[in-house]
Amino acid sequence: MKRYLILIILVIITSLSTVLLVSASDISIIANQKFVVTIDGNPIDFSHIGNPMLSKTGRTFVPIRFMSKYLAYNGYYPENSEDISSQNVWINDEKTEIKFTLNKATALVDGKEVYIDYTPDGKPAVDSKIYLYEGRVYLPLRFICETFGEEVEYKKIGNVHHIAIATKDKSQDTKNIEDDFEEIQSLAGYIRIEDNVIHFNEVEIVEWEDQKRVKELGLNEYDMPNGYAIINKNKGERTYELADEVIFTFTDMNLDYVKNPDGNRLYTTTKKDRLLKYFEKSSKLPLSKQTIPYFIEVKGGKVISITEKFKYTI
């Protein structure tokens, strides 16, 4: 019988003044790691949701969507709170509740405060914290799995981290997991918003570091003065409807919502009026005149998230 976990993940991205999205240099992680993760023997494709990250204490962190999709959890993002101290993530099943706070090394398990991780000598790992990175919430994989009774095995073979998760009910239907993820498309392109409809023109962003693709396209450094090139994929204009709730992340250069001028000014909201206000001027331009690409996620023909990445606005 398929496991039905009644799990609710509440991610409160709080404070109209500061949303703590961070860069890789701000996180205590080891960069450029390779992972192979399986659930009951089924390999997981992270291309749709963002790759796992390895903390300096040797723990694996994964995007929250891994938990909500691959482990059958349900999740949503409520409206922002004005209390910066309540940047919380809740996960619960029928028996246990875990409450995290962004950028904090401890969690509450059924009201009892525990550390997320420990160093090899048994001391609390104060650098192991859940965090926001590029619009995604990252959570500690082993801590959550073991708290809910799953088994986790780890091996490092060569330079690849192998993680095998065995669920409480090994008859969980993971056969169609990949089909489920086909519902979500991750795309990059120019957008124009008219009423509740997004007009979209897909592009490919080629980084200078991707020398294989650079050579395939015959590009050189003069074509990529900022370290990247935006290539129109010429697939024609497509239209998508905005979902009832859209997660929108952008750089608030005018400090309309972020009040700390010294931070990275990244701001995330689900308030559609703010999204529409942001695109009010650019939406008057045709797609052929747009110059800033956005990263969108589409599910069931509706856009569920829009992300601006500052490096591609230069």
C-alpha atoms as a PDB file:
ATOM      1  CA  MET A   1       0.000   0.000   0.000  1.00  0.00           C
ATOM      2  CA  LYS A   2       1.362   3.350  -0.975  1.00  0.00           C
ATOM      3  CA  ARG A   3       2.453   5.437   1.973  1.00  0.00           C
ATOM      4  CA  TYR A   4       0.258   8.449   2.517  1.00  0.00           C
ATOM      5  CA  LEU A   5       2.053  10.884   4.757  1.00  0.00           C
ATOM      6  CA  ILE A   6      -0.017  13.808   5.848  1.00  0.00           C
ATOM      7  CA  LEU A   7       2.885  16.211   5.982  1.00  0.00           C
ATOM      8  CA  ILE A   8       2.693  19.949   5.825  1.00  0.00           C
ATOM      9  CA  ILE A   9       5.697  22.070   5.078  1.00  0.00           C
ATOM     10  CA  LEU A  10       5.122  25.671   5.955  1.00  0.00           C
ATOM     11  CA  VAL A  11       7.851  27.914   4.658  1.00  0.00           C
ATOM     12  CA  ILE A  12       7.478  31.412   5.969  1.00  0.00           C
ATOM     13  CA  ILE A  13       9.824  33.706   4.120  1.00  0.00           C
ATOM     14  CA  THR A  14       9.542  36.567   6.496  1.00  0.00           C
ATOM     15  CA  SER A  15      10.099  40.249   6.843  1.00  0.00           C
ATOM     16  CA  LEU A  16       9.260  42.850   4.278  1.00  0.00           C
ATOM     17  CA  SER A  17      12.579  44.395   5.261  1.00  0.00           C
ATOM     18  CA  THR A  18      14.995  41.512   4.726  1.00  0.00           C
ATOM     19  CA  VAL A  19      14.731  38.119   3.103  1.00  0.00           C
ATOM     20  CA  LEU A  20      17.926  36.190   3.772  1.00  0.00           C
ATOM     21  CA  LEU A  21      18.747  34.811   0.362  1.00  0.00           C
ATOM     22  CA  VAL A  22      22.448  34.082   0.315  1.00  0.00           C
ATOM     23  CA  SER A  23      25.222  33.385  -2.136  1.00  0.00           C
ATOM     24  CA  ALA A  24      27.332  30.249  -2.125  1.00  0.00           C
ATOM     25  CA  SER A  25      30.194  32.170  -0.536  1.00  0.00           C
ATOM     26  CA  ASP A  26      27.970  32.972   2.463  1.00  0.00           C
ATOM     27  CA  ILE A  27      27.143  29.321   3.158  1.00  0.00           C
ATOM     28  CA  SER A  28      29.405  26.891   4.974  1.00  0.00           C
ATOM     29  CA  ILE A  29      29.481  24.394   2.097  1.00  0.00           C
ATOM     30  CA  ILE A  30      31.990  22.552  -0.053  1.00  0.00           C
ATOM     31  CA  ALA A  31      31.412  23.501  -3.672  1.00  0.00           C
ATOM     32  CA  ASN A  32      31.319  21.366  -6.835  1.00  0.00           C
ATOM     33  CA  GLN A  33      30.303  18.040  -5.291  1.00  0.00           C
ATOM     34  CA  LYS A  34      28.716  15.139  -7.190  1.00  0.00           C
ATOM     35  CA  PHE A  35      25.820  13.123  -5.748  1.00  0.00           C
ATOM     36  CA  VAL A  36      23.913   9.961  -6.568  1.00  0.00           C
ATOM     37  CA  VAL A  37      20.761   9.708  -4.439  1.00  0.00           C
ATOM     38  CA  THR A  38      18.303   6.813  -4.512  1.00  0.00           C
ATOM     39  CA  ILE A  39      14.977   6.189  -2.762  1.00  0.00           C
ATOM     40  CA  ASP A  40      14.208   2.488  -2.360  1.00  0.00           C
ATOM     41  CA  GLY A  41      16.668   1.843  -5.187  1.00  0.00           C
ATOM     42  CA  ASN A  42      15.241   4.450  -7.561  1.00  0.00           C
ATOM     43  CA  PRO A  43      17.762   7.102  -8.710  1.00  0.00           C
ATOM     44  CA  ILE A  44      16.670  10.717  -8.322  1.00  0.00           C
ATOM     45  CA  ASP A  45      17.098  13.408 -10.978  1.00  0.00           C
ATOM     46  CA  PHE A  46      17.856  16.793  -9.399  1.00  0.00           C
ATOM     47  CA  SER A  47      17.918  18.764 -12.652  1.00  0.00           C
ATOM     48  CA  HIS A  48      14.429  20.162 -12.018  1.00  0.00           C
ATOM     49  CA  ILE A  49      14.905  21.248  -8.427  1.00  0.00           C
ATOM     50  CA  GLY A  50      18.527  22.220  -7.793  1.00  0.00           C
ATOM     51  CA  ASN A  51      21.475  20.056  -6.804  1.00  0.00           C
ATOM     52  CA  PRO A  52      22.269  18.819  -3.289  1.00  0.00           C
ATOM     53  CA  MET A  53      24.949  20.671  -1.360  1.00  0.00           C
ATOM     54  CA  LEU A  54      27.560  19.324   1.056  1.00  0.00           C
ATOM     55  CA  SER A  55      28.185  21.210   4.284  1.00  0.00           C
ATOM     56  CA  LYS A  56      31.674  21.537   5.708  1.00  0.00           C
ATOM     57  CA  THR A  57      30.593  19.160   8.457  1.00  0.00           C
ATOM     58  CA  GLY A  58      29.969  16.513   5.804  1.00  0.00           C
ATOM     59  CA  ARG A  59      26.156  16.691   5.747  1.00  0.00           C
ATOM     60  CA  THR A  60      24.008  16.803   2.645  1.00  0.00           C
ATOM     61  CA  PHE A  61      21.416  19.560   2.211  1.00  0.00           C
ATOM     62  CA  VAL A  62      18.693  19.311  -0.436  1.00  0.00           C
ATOM     63  CA  PRO A  63      16.075  21.736  -1.790  1.00  0.00           C
ATOM     64  CA  ILE A  64      12.736  21.572  -0.007  1.00  0.00           C
ATOM     65  CA  ARG A  65      11.089  20.376  -3.211  1.00  0.00           C
ATOM     66  CA  PHE A  66      13.038  17.123  -2.882  1.00  0.00           C
ATOM     67  CA  MET A  67      11.242  16.526   0.410  1.00  0.00           C
ATOM     68  CA  SER A  68       7.832  17.575  -0.862  1.00  0.00           C
ATOM     69  CA  LYS A  69       7.944  15.577  -4.084  1.00  0.00           C
ATOM     70  CA  TYR A  70      10.258  12.612  -3.800  1.00  0.00           C
ATOM     71  CA  LEU A  71       9.290  11.733  -0.232  1.00  0.00           C
ATOM     72  CA  ALA A  72       5.581  12.438  -0.766  1.00  0.00           C
ATOM     73  CA  TYR A  73       5.419  15.508   1.472  1.00  0.00           C
ATOM     74  CA  ASN A  74       3.066  18.395   0.731  1.00  0.00           C
ATOM     75  CA  GLY A  75       4.260  21.987   0.939  1.00  0.00           C
ATOM     76  CA  TYR A  76       3.338  25.583   0.322  1.00  0.00           C
ATOM     77  CA  TYR A  77       4.647  29.093   0.935  1.00  0.00           C
ATOM     78  CA  PRO A  78       2.382  31.308   3.063  1.00  0.00           C
ATOM     79  CA  GLU A  79       2.473  35.084   2.950  1.00  0.00           C
ATOM     80  CA  ASN A  80       5.457  36.930   4.380  1.00  0.00           C
ATOM     81  CA  SER A  81       5.503  37.722   8.077  1.00  0.00           C
ATOM     82  CA  GLU A  82       6.750  41.041   9.379  1.00  0.00           C
ATOM     83  CA  ASP A  83       8.670  39.375  12.201  1.00  0.00           C
ATOM     84  CA  ILE A  84      12.157  38.552  10.978  1.00  0.00           C
ATOM     85  CA  SER A  85      12.665  36.125  13.863  1.00  0.00           C
ATOM     86  CA  SER A  86       9.924  33.836  12.552  1.00  0.00           C
ATOM     87  CA  GLN A  87      11.519  32.720   9.306  1.00  0.00           C
ATOM     88  CA  ASN A  88      10.282  29.211   9.926  1.00  0.00           C
ATOM     89  CA  VAL A  89       9.842  25.909   8.131  1.00  0.00           C
ATOM     90  CA  TRP A  90       7.520  23.282   9.596  1.00  0.00           C
ATOM     91  CA  ILE A  91       7.400  19.620   8.606  1.00  0.00           C
ATOM     92  CA  ASN A  92       5.085  17.152  10.273  1.00  0.00           C
ATOM     93  CA  ASP A  93       3.505  13.748   9.866  1.00  0.00           C
ATOM     94  CA  GLU A  94       0.803  12.088  11.935  1.00  0.00           C
ATOM     95  CA  LYS A  95       3.210  11.606  14.864  1.00  0.00           C
ATOM     96  CA  THR A  96       6.073  14.076  14.689  1.00  0.00           C
ATOM     97  CA  GLU A  97       6.560  17.774  13.971  1.00  0.00           C
ATOM     98  CA  ILE A  98       9.843  19.463  13.109  1.00  0.00           C
ATOM     99  CA  LYS A  99      10.177  23.220  13.225  1.00  0.00           C
ATOM    100  CA  PHE A 100      13.234  24.878  11.676  1.00  0.00           C
ATOM    101  CA  THR A 101      14.279  28.522  11.634  1.00  0.00           C
ATOM    102  CA  LEU A 102      16.241  29.824   8.661  1.00  0.00           C
ATOM    103  CA  ASN A 103      19.958  30.257   9.357  1.00  0.00           C
ATOM    104  CA  LYS A 104      19.666  28.594  12.777  1.00  0.00           C
ATOM    105  CA  ALA A 105      21.600  25.458  13.810  1.00  0.00           C
ATOM    106  CA  THR A 106      18.828  23.963  15.935  1.00  0.00           C
ATOM    107  CA  ALA A 107      15.329  22.635  15.303  1.00  0.00           C
ATOM    108  CA  LEU A 108      12.322  21.846  17.492  1.00  0.00           C
ATOM    109  CA  VAL A 109      11.227  18.220  17.303  1.00  0.00           C
ATOM    110  CA  ASP A 110       7.830  17.958  19.007  1.00  0.00           C
ATOM    111  CA  GLY A 111       8.787  21.065  20.984  1.00  0.00           C
ATOM    112  CA  LYS A 112      12.212  19.791  22.085  1.00  0.00           C
ATOM    113  CA  GLU A 113      15.186  21.799  20.822  1.00  0.00           C
ATOM    114  CA  VAL A 114      17.912  19.697  19.187  1.00  0.00           C
ATOM    115  CA  TYR A 115      20.911  20.448  17.017  1.00  0.00           C
ATOM    116  CA  ILE A 116      20.601  19.638  13.333  1.00  0.00           C
ATOM    117  CA  ASP A 117      24.108  18.210  13.169  1.00  0.00           C
ATOM    118  CA  TYR A 118      27.166  17.326  15.246  1.00  0.00           C
ATOM    119  CA  THR A 119      30.883  17.287  14.513  1.00  0.00           C
ATOM    120  CA  PRO A 120      32.794  13.951  14.546  1.00  0.00           C
ATOM    121  CA  ASP A 121      33.894  14.627  18.134  1.00  0.00           C
ATOM    122  CA  GLY A 122      30.264  15.008  19.262  1.00  0.00           C
ATOM    123  CA  LYS A 123      30.069  18.783  19.516  1.00  0.00           C
ATOM    124  CA  PRO A 124      27.124  20.745  18.022  1.00  0.00           C
ATOM    125  CA  ALA A 125      27.820  21.813  14.426  1.00  0.00           C
ATOM    126  CA  VAL A 126      26.825  25.462  14.658  1.00  0.00           C
ATOM    127  CA  ASP A 127      27.446  26.014  10.937  1.00  0.00           C
ATOM    128  CA  SER A 128      24.820  23.452   9.853  1.00  0.00           C
ATOM    129  CA  LYS A 129      21.739  25.593   9.264  1.00  0.00           C
ATOM    130  CA  ILE A 130      18.849  25.587   6.840  1.00  0.00           C
ATOM    131  CA  TYR A 131      19.099  28.444   4.385  1.00  0.00           C
ATOM    132  CA  LEU A 132      17.706  30.089   1.265  1.00  0.00           C
ATOM    133  CA  TYR A 133      19.846  29.946  -1.853  1.00  0.00           C
ATOM    134  CA  GLU A 134      18.751  31.184  -5.293  1.00  0.00           C
ATOM    135  CA  GLY A 135      15.125  31.190  -4.183  1.00  0.00           C
ATOM    136  CA  ARG A 136      15.211  27.627  -2.774  1.00  0.00           C
ATOM    137  CA  VAL A 137      15.010  26.474   0.824  1.00  0.00           C
ATOM    138  CA  TYR A 138      17.712  23.897   1.627  1.00  0.00           C
ATOM    139  CA  LEU A 139      17.131  21.321   4.373  1.00  0.00           C
ATOM    140  CA  PRO A 140      19.342  18.667   6.058  1.00  0.00           C
ATOM    141  CA  LEU A 141      18.597  15.362   4.335  1.00  0.00           C
ATOM    142  CA  ARG A 142      19.697  12.837   6.975  1.00  0.00           C
ATOM    143  CA  PHE A 143      18.246  14.753   9.921  1.00  0.00           C
ATOM    144  CA  ILE A 144      14.757  14.884   8.411  1.00  0.00           C
ATOM    145  CA  CYS A 145      14.756  11.352   7.033  1.00  0.00           C
ATOM    146  CA  GLU A 146      15.896   9.773  10.281  1.00  0.00           C
ATOM    147  CA  THR A 147      13.541  11.880  12.379  1.00  0.00           C
ATOM    148  CA  PHE A 148      10.650  10.451  10.356  1.00  0.00           C
ATOM    149  CA  GLY A 149      11.968   6.913  10.577  1.00  0.00           C
ATOM    150  CA  GLU A 150      13.631   6.505   7.197  1.00  0.00           C
ATOM    151  CA  GLU A 151      16.992   4.755   6.874  1.00  0.00           C
ATOM    152  CA  VAL A 152      19.892   6.570   5.232  1.00  0.00           C
ATOM    153  CA  GLU A 153      23.116   4.965   4.039  1.00  0.00           C
ATOM    154  CA  TYR A 154      26.105   6.929   2.781  1.00  0.00           C
ATOM    155  CA  LYS A 155      29.220   5.964   0.829  1.00  0.00           C
ATOM    156  CA  LYS A 156      31.781   8.026  -1.016  1.00  0.00           C
ATOM    157  CA  ILE A 157      33.134   6.277  -4.092  1.00  0.00           C
ATOM    158  CA  GLY A 158      35.872   8.250  -5.770  1.00  0.00           C
ATOM    159  CA  ASN A 159      34.640  11.830  -5.839  1.00  0.00           C
ATOM    160  CA  VAL A 160      30.931  10.919  -5.850  1.00  0.00           C
ATOM    161  CA  HIS A 161      28.678  10.920  -2.788  1.00  0.00           C
ATOM    162  CA  HIS A 162      26.235   7.983  -2.847  1.00  0.00           C
ATOM    163  CA  ILE A 163      23.161   8.282  -0.608  1.00  0.00           C
ATOM    164  CA  ALA A 164      20.576   5.503  -0.360  1.00  0.00           C
ATOM    165  CA  ILE A 165      17.268   6.202   1.397  1.00  0.00           C
ATOM    166  CA  ALA A 166      15.046   3.297   2.459  1.00  0.00           C
ATOM    167  CA  THR A 167      11.552   4.469   3.347  1.00  0.00           C
ATOM    168  CA  LYS A 168       9.484   3.108   6.220  1.00  0.00           C
ATOM    169  CA  ASP A 169       7.164   1.507   3.720  1.00  0.00           C
ATOM    170  CA  LYS A 170       9.371   0.093   0.975  1.00  0.00           C
ATOM    171  CA  SER A 171       6.300  -0.524  -1.133  1.00  0.00           C
ATOM    172  CA  GLN A 172       6.008   3.221  -1.641  1.00  0.00           C
ATOM    173  CA  ASP A 173       5.297   3.783  -5.282  1.00  0.00           C
ATOM    174  CA  THR A 174       8.376   5.539  -6.639  1.00  0.00           C
ATOM    175  CA  LYS A 175       7.999   4.091 -10.096  1.00  0.00           C
ATOM    176  CA  ASN A 176       6.187   7.148 -11.393  1.00  0.00           C
ATOM    177  CA  ILE A 177       8.182   9.765  -9.503  1.00  0.00           C
ATOM    178  CA  GLU A 178       9.885  11.021 -12.643  1.00  0.00           C
ATOM    179  CA  ASP A 179       6.522  11.289 -14.400  1.00  0.00           C
ATOM    180  CA  ASP A 180       5.349  13.470 -11.532  1.00  0.00           C
ATOM    181  CA  PHE A 181       8.288  15.803 -12.054  1.00  0.00           C
ATOM    182  CA  GLU A 182       7.545  16.086 -15.744  1.00  0.00           C
ATOM    183  CA  GLU A 183       4.661  18.274 -14.615  1.00  0.00           C
ATOM    184  CA  ILE A 184       7.157  20.989 -13.666  1.00  0.00           C
ATOM    185  CA  GLN A 185       9.167  22.677 -16.421  1.00  0.00           C
ATOM    186  CA  SER A 186      12.128  24.898 -15.583  1.00  0.00           C
ATOM    187  CA  LEU A 187      12.677  27.465 -18.340  1.00  0.00           C
ATOM    188  CA  ALA A 188      14.649  30.637 -18.967  1.00  0.00           C
ATOM    189  CA  GLY A 189      13.508  33.418 -21.225  1.00  0.00           C
ATOM    190  CA  TYR A 190      12.102  36.882 -21.770  1.00  0.00           C
ATOM    191  CA  ILE A 191       8.661  37.566 -20.365  1.00  0.00           C
ATOM    192  CA  ARG A 192       5.929  40.126 -20.694  1.00  0.00           C
ATOM    193  CA  ILE A 193       2.896  40.069 -18.410  1.00  0.00           C
ATOM    194  CA  GLU A 194      -0.512  41.122 -19.632  1.00  0.00           C
ATOM    195  CA  ASP A 195      -3.388  40.792 -17.184  1.00  0.00           C
ATOM    196  CA  ASN A 196      -2.938  37.272 -15.777  1.00  0.00           C
ATOM    197  CA  VAL A 197      -1.025  35.907 -18.785  1.00  0.00           C
ATOM    198  CA  ILE A 198       2.734  35.608 -19.311  1.00  0.00           C
ATOM    199  CA  HIS A 199       4.026  35.957 -22.857  1.00  0.00           C
ATOM    200  CA  PHE A 200       7.279  33.997 -23.002  1.00  0.00           C
ATOM    201  CA  ASN A 201      10.199  33.668 -25.414  1.00  0.00           C
ATOM    202  CA  GLU A 202      12.670  30.929 -24.399  1.00  0.00           C
ATOM    203  CA  VAL A 203      16.427  31.564 -24.374  1.00  0.00           C
ATOM    204  CA  GLU A 204      19.561  29.598 -23.577  1.00  0.00           C
ATOM    205  CA  ILE A 205      22.125  31.138 -21.235  1.00  0.00           C
ATOM    206  CA  VAL A 206      25.656  29.989 -22.019  1.00  0.00           C
ATOM    207  CA  GLU A 207      28.368  30.573 -19.419  1.00  0.00           C
ATOM    208  CA  TRP A 208      32.000  31.115 -20.443  1.00  0.00           C
ATOM    209  CA  GLU A 209      32.981  28.212 -18.146  1.00  0.00           C
ATOM    210  CA  ASP A 210      30.933  25.856 -20.328  1.00  0.00           C
ATOM    211  CA  GLN A 211      33.647  25.695 -22.976  1.00  0.00           C
ATOM    212  CA  LYS A 212      32.095  22.731 -24.737  1.00  0.00           C
ATOM    213  CA  ARG A 213      28.917  24.690 -25.463  1.00  0.00           C
ATOM    214  CA  VAL A 214      30.876  27.872 -26.214  1.00  0.00           C
ATOM    215  CA  LYS A 215      32.818  26.025 -28.922  1.00  0.00           C
ATOM    216  CA  GLU A 216      29.674  24.369 -30.289  1.00  0.00           C
ATOM    217  CA  LEU A 217      28.135  27.808 -30.817  1.00  0.00           C
ATOM    218  CA  GLY A 218      31.362  29.364 -32.127  1.00  0.00           C
ATOM    219  CA  LEU A 219      31.440  32.006 -29.399  1.00  0.00           C
ATOM    220  CA  ASN A 220      34.476  33.865 -28.064  1.00  0.00           C
ATOM    221  CA  GLU A 221      35.214  36.194 -25.160  1.00  0.00           C
ATOM    222  CA  TYR A 222      34.135  39.218 -27.197  1.00  0.00           C
ATOM    223  CA  ASP A 223      30.670  37.703 -27.510  1.00  0.00           C
ATOM    224  CA  MET A 224      30.526  37.286 -23.727  1.00  0.00           C
ATOM    225  CA  PRO A 225      31.857  40.494 -22.097  1.00  0.00           C
ATOM    226  CA  ASN A 226      30.030  39.693 -18.855  1.00  0.00           C
ATOM    227  CA  GLY A 227      30.952  36.025 -18.861  1.00  0.00           C
ATOM    228  CA  TYR A 228      27.789  34.739 -20.502  1.00  0.00           C
ATOM    229  CA  ALA A 229      25.748  34.906 -23.693  1.00  0.00           C
ATOM    230  CA  ILE A 230      21.962  34.840 -24.061  1.00  0.00           C
ATOM    231  CA  ILE A 231      20.898  32.838 -27.104  1.00  0.00           C
ATOM    232  CA  ASN A 232      17.360  33.062 -28.455  1.00  0.00           C
ATOM    233  CA  LYS A 233      16.099  29.512 -29.007  1.00  0.00           C
ATOM    234  CA  ASN A 234      13.666  30.734 -31.700  1.00  0.00           C
ATOM    235  CA  LYS A 235      10.813  28.585 -30.498  1.00  0.00           C
ATOM    236  CA  GLY A 236       8.314  31.376 -30.959  1.00  0.00           C
ATOM    237  CA  GLU A 237       6.158  33.101 -28.388  1.00  0.00           C
ATOM    238  CA  ARG A 238       4.348  30.965 -25.827  1.00  0.00           C
ATOM    239  CA  THR A 239       1.757  31.992 -23.286  1.00  0.00           C
ATOM    240  CA  TYR A 240       1.184  30.721 -19.763  1.00  0.00           C
ATOM    241  CA  GLU A 241      -1.324  31.638 -17.117  1.00  0.00           C
ATOM    242  CA  LEU A 242      -0.120  32.858 -13.734  1.00  0.00           C
ATOM    243  CA  ALA A 243      -0.955  30.420 -10.930  1.00  0.00           C
ATOM    244  CA  ASP A 244      -3.028  31.630  -8.010  1.00  0.00           C
ATOM    245  CA  GLU A 245       0.178  31.815  -5.983  1.00  0.00           C
ATOM    246  CA  VAL A 246       3.482  32.642  -7.696  1.00  0.00           C
ATOM    247  CA  ILE A 247       6.811  32.683  -5.846  1.00  0.00           C
ATOM    248  CA  PHE A 248       8.611  35.756  -7.182  1.00  0.00           C
ATOM    249  CA  THR A 249      12.279  36.499  -6.378  1.00  0.00           C
ATOM    250  CA  PHE A 250      14.022  39.632  -7.603  1.00  0.00           C
ATOM    251  CA  THR A 251      16.670  42.206  -6.689  1.00  0.00           C
ATOM    252  CA  ASP A 252      14.962  45.156  -5.020  1.00  0.00           C
ATOM    253  CA  MET A 253      17.405  47.823  -6.220  1.00  0.00           C
ATOM    254  CA  ASN A 254      15.063  50.676  -5.268  1.00  0.00           C
ATOM    255  CA  LEU A 255      14.651  49.344  -1.718  1.00  0.00           C
ATOM    256  CA  ASP A 256      10.862  49.347  -2.046  1.00  0.00           C
ATOM    257  CA  TYR A 257      10.596  46.328   0.255  1.00  0.00           C
ATOM    258  CA  VAL A 258      14.131  45.511   1.432  1.00  0.00           C
ATOM    259  CA  LYS A 259      15.278  48.102   3.944  1.00  0.00           C
ATOM    260  CA  ASN A 260      18.902  47.040   4.357  1.00  0.00           C
ATOM    261  CA  PRO A 261      20.959  48.818   1.650  1.00  0.00           C
ATOM    262  CA  ASP A 262      24.110  46.885   2.584  1.00  0.00           C
ATOM    263  CA  GLY A 263      22.682  43.433   1.827  1.00  0.00           C
ATOM    264  CA  ASN A 264      22.235  41.711  -1.517  1.00  0.00           C
ATOM    265  CA  ARG A 265      18.718  43.217  -1.763  1.00  0.00           C
ATOM    266  CA  LEU A 266      17.134  39.962  -2.870  1.00  0.00           C
ATOM    267  CA  TYR A 267      13.457  39.819  -2.066  1.00  0.00           C
ATOM    268  CA  THR A 268      10.937  36.993  -2.320  1.00  0.00           C
ATOM    269  CA  THR A 269       7.177  37.429  -2.235  1.00  0.00           C
ATOM    270  CA  THR A 270       3.989  35.616  -3.179  1.00  0.00           C
ATOM    271  CA  LYS A 271       1.953  38.809  -3.416  1.00  0.00           C
ATOM    272  CA  LYS A 272       0.795  39.054  -7.002  1.00  0.00           C
ATOM    273  CA  ASP A 273       0.234  42.808  -6.899  1.00  0.00           C
ATOM    274  CA  ARG A 274       3.943  43.318  -6.209  1.00  0.00           C
ATOM    275  CA  LEU A 275       4.882  41.012  -9.052  1.00  0.00           C
ATOM    276  CA  LEU A 276       2.627  42.908 -11.477  1.00  0.00           C
ATOM    277  CA  LYS A 277       3.948  46.252 -10.258  1.00  0.00           C
ATOM    278  CA  TYR A 278       7.532  45.117 -10.848  1.00  0.00           C
ATOM    279  CA  PHE A 279       6.802  44.145 -14.454  1.00  0.00           C
ATOM    280  CA  GLU A 280       4.529  47.115 -15.178  1.00  0.00           C
ATOM    281  CA  LYS A 281       7.079  49.083 -17.229  1.00  0.00           C
ATOM    282  CA  SER A 282       8.892  46.218 -18.946  1.00  0.00           C
ATOM    283  CA  SER A 283       5.613  44.613 -19.984  1.00  0.00           C
ATOM    284  CA  LYS A 284       4.975  47.565 -22.276  1.00  0.00           C
ATOM    285  CA  LEU A 285       7.893  46.403 -24.426  1.00  0.00           C
ATOM    286  CA  PRO A 286       7.477  43.584 -26.961  1.00  0.00           C
ATOM    287  CA  LEU A 287       9.410  40.394 -26.293  1.00  0.00           C
ATOM    288  CA  SER A 288      11.814  41.237 -29.111  1.00  0.00           C
ATOM    289  CA  LYS A 289      12.947  44.314 -27.140  1.00  0.00           C
ATOM    290  CA  GLN A 290      13.389  42.552 -23.795  1.00  0.00           C
ATOM    291  CA  THR A 291      16.966  42.181 -22.527  1.00  0.00           C
ATOM    292  CA  ILE A 292      16.674  40.612 -19.064  1.00  0.00           C
ATOM    293  CA  PRO A 293      15.933  36.869 -18.857  1.00  0.00           C
ATOM    294  CA  TYR A 294      13.873  35.350 -16.059  1.00  0.00           C
ATOM    295  CA  PHE A 295      13.750  31.801 -14.773  1.00  0.00           C
ATOM    296  CA  ILE A 296      10.250  30.379 -14.553  1.00  0.00           C
ATOM    297  CA  GLU A 297       8.707  27.125 -13.378  1.00  0.00           C
ATOM    298  CA  VAL A 298       5.561  25.929 -15.135  1.00  0.00           C
ATOM    299  CA  LYS A 299       3.161  23.319 -13.829  1.00  0.00           C
ATOM    300  CA  GLY A 300      -0.037  22.345 -15.587  1.00  0.00           C
ATOM    301  CA  GLY A 301       0.305  25.264 -17.987  1.00  0.00           C
ATOM    302  CA  LYS A 302       0.568  27.772 -15.135  1.00  0.00           C
ATOM    303  CA  VAL A 303       3.635  29.660 -13.946  1.00  0.00           C
ATOM    304  CA  ILE A 304       4.303  28.868 -10.279  1.00  0.00           C
ATOM    305  CA  SER A 305       7.587  30.753  -9.805  1.00  0.00           C
ATOM    306  CA  ILE A 306       9.558  33.575 -11.423  1.00  0.00           C
ATOM    307  CA  THR A 307      13.165  34.296 -10.465  1.00  0.00           C
ATOM    308  CA  GLU A 308      15.424  37.138 -11.507  1.00  0.00           C
ATOM    309  CA  LYS A 309      19.155  36.474 -11.212  1.00  0.00           C
ATOM    310  CA  PHE A 310      21.081  39.696 -10.801  1.00  0.00           C
ATOM    311  CA  LYS A 311      24.171  38.535 -12.734  1.00  0.00           C
ATOM    312  CA  TYR A 312      22.069  38.351 -15.898  1.00  0.00           C
ATOM    313  CA  THR A 313      20.737  41.887 -15.533  1.00  0.00           C
ATOM    314  CA  ILE A 314      24.162  43.438 -16.132  1.00  0.00           C
END
